[in-house]
Amino acid sequence: MERVSAVERVAAAVVGATRLVVARLPARWKKTLDDRVFGAIFQVTRVTNDAYGWKAPPAGQEDR
């Protein structure tokens, strides 16, 4: 039998507790939380991906 570390036990407890709380939330609150969390993730990754210093081509000129 494989031993589970303390960190894995804490993580499992947090995930389990979160699932119990979310299961009891109204659908409207779940949607709002989902929109906020994934909106924040999108915003962070968009800023990261846009921060490479590449210049956009002038309008009307595509890469050929």
Protein backbone atom coordinates (compact mmCIF):
# COMPACT_ATOMS: atom_id res chain seq x y z
CA MET A 1 0.00 0.00 0.00
CA GLU A 2 1.32 3.42 -1.00
CA ARG A 3 1.74 6.06 1.72
CA VAL A 4 0.06 9.40 1.24
CA SER A 5 2.00 12.49 2.30
CA ALA A 6 0.62 15.11 4.65
CA VAL A 7 0.43 17.59 1.78
CA GLU A 8 -1.68 15.19 -0.26
CA ARG A 9 -4.02 14.63 2.71
CA VAL A 10 -4.46 18.38 3.22
CA ALA A 11 -5.05 18.91 -0.51
CA ALA A 12 -7.65 16.13 -0.55
CA ALA A 13 -9.39 17.67 2.49
CA VAL A 14 -9.47 21.13 0.88
CA VAL A 15 -10.81 19.77 -2.42
CA GLY A 16 -13.40 17.66 -0.61
CA ALA A 17 -14.58 20.57 1.54
CA THR A 18 -14.74 22.84 -1.50
CA ARG A 19 -16.85 20.29 -3.38
CA LEU A 20 -19.28 20.06 -0.45
CA VAL A 21 -19.64 23.84 -0.27
CA VAL A 22 -20.04 24.26 -4.03
CA ALA A 23 -22.67 21.50 -4.14
CA ARG A 24 -24.84 23.60 -1.82
CA LEU A 25 -24.45 26.92 -3.65
CA PRO A 26 -27.26 28.26 -5.82
CA ALA A 27 -26.67 27.87 -9.57
CA ARG A 28 -26.42 31.65 -10.03
CA TRP A 29 -23.55 31.88 -7.49
CA LYS A 30 -21.77 28.94 -9.13
CA LYS A 31 -21.94 30.65 -12.53
CA THR A 32 -20.66 33.92 -11.06
CA LEU A 33 -17.74 32.18 -9.37
CA ASP A 34 -16.96 30.24 -12.52
CA ASP A 35 -16.99 33.41 -14.61
CA ARG A 36 -14.75 35.25 -12.14
CA VAL A 37 -12.19 32.44 -11.74
CA PHE A 38 -11.87 31.58 -15.43
CA GLY A 39 -12.01 35.25 -16.40
CA ALA A 40 -9.06 35.93 -14.10
CA ILE A 41 -7.14 32.95 -15.49
CA PHE A 42 -7.83 34.13 -19.04
CA GLN A 43 -6.71 37.65 -18.20
CA VAL A 44 -3.45 36.48 -16.62
CA THR A 45 -2.57 34.19 -19.52
CA ARG A 46 -3.55 36.81 -22.10
CA VAL A 47 -1.28 39.40 -20.50
CA THR A 48 1.53 36.84 -20.25
CA ASN A 49 1.16 35.81 -23.89
CA ASP A 50 0.97 39.42 -25.08
CA ALA A 51 4.10 40.46 -23.19
CA TYR A 52 6.69 39.05 -25.60
CA GLY A 53 7.51 42.38 -27.21
CA TRP A 54 6.33 41.40 -30.68
CA LYS A 55 5.00 44.27 -32.70
CA ALA A 56 1.69 43.83 -34.46
CA PRO A 57 1.83 44.14 -38.25
CA PRO A 58 0.33 47.32 -39.68
CA ALA A 59 -3.39 47.11 -40.43
CA GLY A 60 -4.10 45.40 -43.75
CA GLN A 61 -0.75 43.58 -43.97
CA GLU A 62 -0.97 39.90 -43.12
CA ASP A 63 1.96 37.53 -42.78
CA ARG A 64 2.34 35.82 -46.18
